Each structure stands twice: as structure tokens, then as C-alpha cells.
Amino acid sequence: MHVFVGDHLSSTLTDLLRSFRRQYGPVVRQRMGAQWLVILFDPADIQRLLFQYEKYPLRPTPHLMCAYARRNNTPLSMAFQ
């Protein structure tokens, strides 16, 4: 099995991510269909992103969770339980 993202082909996802890190550095932005994917490799960057203590941090709900909640006719908060 091969992993193909954009113009990049690799034998495994791990190899693909390693090549992204080598080629682009600690922050990579890659188009995945209509959405942009941002990949962070530095644990400190990941921690800063996840632990933003602003009054209203922007954390949009993933489309998959919205679809799950709609399909099961449950409130969005219940989709995570």
C-alpha cells in the first residue's frame, strides 16, 4: 500500500510525514480535498494550540462529528460521549 498526498507518494504514512518534516520544517500546510490540513511536529506548538486559554478560543467541530450527531438525531455534545 502507498500513501499519496498532493504530489507526494510514500510507502507509509510515517515515511510521508518524515519527508514533510525534512522538506518543509516543523509546520506543514497541505490541501486535503476542499480543506487545508495543518501538521505540527513540535510538541510545544501542539501544546500551545490545544491549551489556548483565551475567553473564546476557536475550536471548530470536525465535520465528521456534526454528521454523526445529525445522523443519530442527538445534540452535538452527545456525539462525543
Protein backbone atom coordinates (compact mmCIF):
# COMPACT_ATOMS: atom_id res chain seq x y z
CA MET A 1 0.00 0.00 0.00
CA HIS A 2 1.20 3.50 -0.80
CA VAL A 3 0.19 6.83 0.68
CA PHE A 4 -0.38 9.63 -1.81
CA VAL A 5 -0.96 13.23 -0.67
CA GLY A 6 -0.77 16.08 -3.15
CA ASP A 7 2.37 15.49 -5.19
CA HIS A 8 3.90 13.23 -2.55
CA LEU A 9 3.98 9.43 -2.74
CA SER A 10 5.31 7.33 0.10
CA SER A 11 5.22 3.70 1.20
CA THR A 12 3.81 4.52 4.66
CA LEU A 13 2.17 7.46 6.39
CA THR A 14 5.14 7.66 8.75
CA ASP A 15 7.55 7.99 5.82
CA LEU A 16 5.33 10.64 4.27
CA LEU A 17 5.26 12.68 7.47
CA ARG A 18 9.03 12.35 7.86
CA SER A 19 9.55 13.66 4.34
CA PHE A 20 7.19 16.59 5.05
CA ARG A 21 9.17 17.42 8.21
CA ARG A 22 12.50 17.27 6.36
CA GLN A 23 11.29 19.26 3.38
CA TYR A 24 9.06 21.90 5.00
CA GLY A 25 10.04 22.16 8.67
CA PRO A 26 8.03 21.98 11.91
CA VAL A 27 4.74 23.35 10.46
CA VAL A 28 3.27 21.95 7.25
CA ARG A 29 0.12 23.06 5.44
CA GLN A 30 -1.30 20.60 2.90
CA ARG A 31 -4.51 20.64 0.93
CA MET A 32 -6.79 17.65 1.54
CA GLY A 33 -9.71 17.93 -0.86
CA ALA A 34 -11.50 21.21 -0.18
CA GLN A 35 -9.92 21.64 3.27
CA TRP A 36 -6.45 22.64 4.42
CA LEU A 37 -4.62 20.32 6.81
CA VAL A 38 -2.02 21.80 9.15
CA ILE A 39 0.51 19.36 10.59
CA LEU A 40 2.54 20.37 13.64
CA PHE A 41 5.67 18.42 14.51
CA ASP A 42 6.91 20.33 17.56
CA PRO A 43 5.21 19.19 20.80
CA ALA A 44 5.47 22.73 22.22
CA ASP A 45 3.48 24.08 19.24
CA ILE A 46 0.85 21.38 19.72
CA GLN A 47 0.56 22.20 23.42
CA ARG A 48 0.20 25.93 22.69
CA LEU A 49 -2.56 25.18 20.18
CA LEU A 50 -4.51 22.84 22.45
CA PHE A 51 -4.21 24.90 25.62
CA GLN A 52 -5.23 28.36 24.44
CA TYR A 53 -6.80 29.98 27.45
CA GLU A 54 -8.48 32.84 25.66
CA LYS A 55 -12.01 33.83 26.50
CA TYR A 56 -13.42 32.37 23.26
CA PRO A 57 -10.81 30.10 21.64
CA LEU A 58 -11.71 28.99 18.12
CA ARG A 59 -12.08 25.21 18.01
CA PRO A 60 -14.44 24.31 15.18
CA THR A 61 -16.23 21.00 15.47
CA PRO A 62 -14.98 18.41 12.95
CA HIS A 63 -17.41 17.79 10.09
CA LEU A 64 -17.48 14.08 10.93
CA MET A 65 -18.82 14.75 14.43
CA CYS A 66 -21.52 17.08 13.05
CA ALA A 67 -22.60 14.42 10.55
CA TYR A 68 -22.65 11.75 13.29
CA ALA A 69 -24.84 13.91 15.53
CA ARG A 70 -27.26 14.70 12.68
CA ARG A 71 -27.47 11.06 11.59
CA ASN A 72 -28.19 9.86 15.12
CA ASN A 73 -30.50 12.78 15.92
CA THR A 74 -28.52 13.70 19.02
CA PRO A 75 -27.23 17.03 20.30
CA LEU A 76 -23.67 17.69 19.21
CA SER A 77 -22.45 17.45 22.79
CA MET A 78 -23.79 13.86 22.93
CA ALA A 79 -21.82 12.86 19.81
CA PHE A 80 -18.60 12.96 21.84
CA GLN A 81 -19.77 10.59 24.59
